[in-house]
Amino acid sequence: MVPVYVDSGLMRQFESDRIEELFKEISVVRVNAEDRFLDAIKGITDPEDKRKNVGETFIRVFEEEARKIGADTLIQGTIYPDRIESEGGIKAHHNVGGLPSIIEFARIVEPLRDLYKDEVREVARALGLPWRSVRGCLIRDLAWRSGSLEK
């Protein structure tokens, strides 16, 4: 399994650097794709269209990384509130309602899909992640903007 963090350039200042530092021990691959994401939403004013373009861009970046290592599975950090909002028509999330209809992955696995944010924090604590990643938004942001590729 190869952990991949896609840096969209849409995070809080220095957040991507913190994520990279936090997960350096597991050799997280940071893909700097800021220009691609900004190009994907340039000139678009409708928030739903922006979310869908961001979702498509995430998938395409993950597909490119997967091709490099021969992976066919994307394991992503979708959480239950993402599903509620996307499936309920409230708003699309890039990893649920924003996914393109055609993808190259044989499967997408979402081990956190039935968990709320507080439950994700409990999992993070149980895994021994540093408190600074558990207490704030960092673990949520990592779950939403990263995935692992598996052969």
Protein backbone atom coordinates (compact mmCIF):
# COMPACT_ATOMS: atom_id res chain seq x y z
CA MET A 1 0.00 0.00 0.00
CA VAL A 2 1.30 3.45 -0.93
CA PRO A 3 -0.10 6.44 0.99
CA VAL A 4 -0.64 9.42 -1.30
CA TYR A 5 -1.46 12.98 -0.30
CA VAL A 6 -2.68 15.21 -3.11
CA ASP A 7 -1.80 18.81 -2.39
CA SER A 8 -4.55 20.73 -4.14
CA GLY A 9 -3.37 24.13 -2.99
CA LEU A 10 -6.81 24.60 -1.42
CA MET A 11 -5.77 23.83 2.15
CA ARG A 12 -5.11 26.21 5.03
CA GLN A 13 -1.68 27.83 4.98
CA PHE A 14 1.08 25.33 5.93
CA GLU A 15 -1.46 22.50 6.39
CA SER A 16 0.04 20.41 3.58
CA ASP A 17 3.50 20.78 5.11
CA ARG A 18 2.12 19.62 8.47
CA ILE A 19 0.50 16.58 6.88
CA GLU A 20 3.70 15.68 5.07
CA GLU A 21 5.72 16.03 8.28
CA LEU A 22 3.21 14.04 10.33
CA PHE A 23 3.22 11.10 7.96
CA LYS A 24 6.85 11.08 6.82
CA GLU A 25 7.48 7.89 8.80
CA ILE A 26 5.14 5.98 6.50
CA SER A 27 6.68 7.54 3.39
CA VAL A 28 3.60 9.44 2.27
CA VAL A 29 3.87 10.54 -1.35
CA ARG A 30 2.97 14.22 -1.67
CA VAL A 31 1.74 15.15 -5.11
CA ASN A 32 1.86 18.90 -5.69
CA ALA A 33 -1.08 19.56 -7.98
CA GLU A 34 -2.04 23.11 -7.04
CA ASP A 35 -1.91 24.43 -10.61
CA ARG A 36 -4.17 21.64 -11.88
CA PHE A 37 -6.79 22.32 -9.22
CA LEU A 38 -6.73 26.08 -9.70
CA ASP A 39 -7.06 25.60 -13.47
CA ALA A 40 -9.98 23.19 -12.90
CA ILE A 41 -12.00 25.80 -11.01
CA LYS A 42 -10.83 28.93 -12.81
CA GLY A 43 -13.76 31.03 -13.95
CA ILE A 44 -16.36 28.71 -12.40
CA THR A 45 -18.76 30.43 -10.03
CA ASP A 46 -21.23 27.66 -9.18
CA PRO A 47 -20.06 25.87 -5.99
CA GLU A 48 -21.44 22.48 -7.12
CA ASP A 49 -19.56 22.71 -10.41
CA LYS A 50 -16.39 23.62 -8.52
CA ARG A 51 -16.78 20.60 -6.21
CA LYS A 52 -17.32 18.27 -9.16
CA ASN A 53 -14.28 19.64 -10.97
CA VAL A 54 -12.21 19.24 -7.81
CA GLY A 55 -13.47 15.65 -7.48
CA GLU A 56 -12.56 14.81 -11.04
CA THR A 57 -9.11 16.37 -10.62
CA PHE A 58 -8.45 14.35 -7.45
CA ILE A 59 -9.36 11.12 -9.20
CA ARG A 60 -7.24 11.90 -12.26
CA VAL A 61 -4.21 12.71 -10.08
CA PHE A 62 -4.70 9.47 -8.12
CA GLU A 63 -5.04 7.53 -11.39
CA GLU A 64 -1.73 8.95 -12.62
CA GLU A 65 0.00 7.95 -9.38
CA ALA A 66 -1.62 4.50 -9.54
CA ARG A 67 -0.30 3.91 -13.05
CA LYS A 68 3.23 4.63 -11.83
CA ILE A 69 3.10 1.73 -9.36
CA GLY A 70 0.57 -0.57 -11.02
CA ALA A 71 -2.16 -0.05 -8.39
CA ASP A 72 -5.80 -0.79 -9.17
CA THR A 73 -7.46 0.16 -5.87
CA LEU A 74 -8.03 3.56 -4.28
CA ILE A 75 -8.55 3.55 -0.52
CA GLN A 76 -9.95 6.93 0.44
CA GLY A 77 -11.12 8.70 3.57
CA THR A 78 -14.80 9.29 2.86
CA ILE A 79 -16.66 9.78 6.14
CA TYR A 80 -20.38 9.47 6.88
CA PRO A 81 -21.20 13.22 6.81
CA ASP A 82 -19.75 13.34 3.26
CA ARG A 83 -22.19 10.64 2.22
CA ILE A 84 -25.16 12.25 3.99
CA GLU A 85 -24.56 15.59 2.28
CA SER A 86 -23.79 14.15 -1.16
CA GLU A 87 -26.43 11.44 -1.25
CA GLY A 88 -29.03 13.77 0.29
CA GLY A 89 -28.47 16.43 -2.36
CA ILE A 90 -27.21 18.98 0.16
CA LYS A 91 -23.88 19.39 -1.59
CA ALA A 92 -21.47 17.20 -3.49
CA HIS A 93 -18.21 16.15 -1.91
CA HIS A 94 -15.21 15.60 -4.13
CA ASN A 95 -14.90 12.01 -2.89
CA VAL A 96 -18.59 11.10 -3.20
CA GLY A 97 -20.90 13.20 -5.37
CA GLY A 98 -17.98 14.81 -7.16
CA LEU A 99 -16.56 11.57 -8.54
CA PRO A 100 -16.54 11.28 -12.33
CA SER A 101 -18.65 8.51 -13.87
CA ILE A 102 -15.64 6.84 -15.52
CA ILE A 103 -12.62 5.95 -13.40
CA GLU A 104 -9.65 3.66 -13.97
CA PHE A 105 -9.72 1.97 -10.57
CA ALA A 106 -11.02 -1.58 -10.28
CA ARG A 107 -12.44 -0.60 -6.91
CA ILE A 108 -12.62 2.19 -4.37
CA VAL A 109 -12.48 1.19 -0.71
CA GLU A 110 -13.77 3.56 1.97
CA PRO A 111 -13.02 2.11 5.42
CA LEU A 112 -14.27 5.22 7.27
CA ARG A 113 -17.49 5.65 5.26
CA ASP A 114 -19.80 4.85 8.17
CA LEU A 115 -17.97 6.93 10.79
CA TYR A 116 -18.64 10.46 12.01
CA LYS A 117 -15.77 12.91 12.67
CA ASP A 118 -15.61 12.13 16.40
CA GLU A 119 -15.36 8.42 15.60
CA VAL A 120 -12.58 9.10 13.09
CA ARG A 121 -10.75 10.95 15.87
CA GLU A 122 -11.17 7.90 18.13
CA VAL A 123 -9.63 5.71 15.42
CA ALA A 124 -6.77 8.19 15.05
CA ARG A 125 -6.15 8.12 18.81
CA ALA A 126 -6.25 4.31 18.83
CA LEU A 127 -3.67 4.30 16.04
CA GLY A 128 -1.44 6.51 18.16
CA LEU A 129 -1.49 9.55 15.90
CA PRO A 130 -0.18 12.70 17.58
CA TRP A 131 -2.78 14.72 19.48
CA ARG A 132 -2.26 17.75 17.23
CA SER A 133 -3.55 15.71 14.31
CA VAL A 134 -6.46 14.25 16.24
CA ARG A 135 -7.85 17.29 18.06
CA GLY A 136 -8.13 19.66 15.13
CA CYS A 137 -9.01 19.47 11.51
CA LEU A 138 -5.80 17.81 10.38
CA ILE A 139 -7.08 14.24 10.55
CA ARG A 140 -10.29 15.26 8.78
CA ASP A 141 -8.36 17.09 6.10
CA LEU A 142 -6.04 14.16 5.61
CA ALA A 143 -8.98 11.79 5.27
CA TRP A 144 -10.67 14.03 2.72
CA ARG A 145 -7.67 14.81 0.58
CA SER A 146 -5.66 11.66 0.60
CA GLY A 147 -5.87 8.03 -0.22
CA SER A 148 -3.78 4.95 -0.54
CA LEU A 149 -3.10 3.01 -3.66
CA GLU A 150 -2.94 -0.76 -3.57
CA LYS A 151 -1.80 -3.34 -6.09
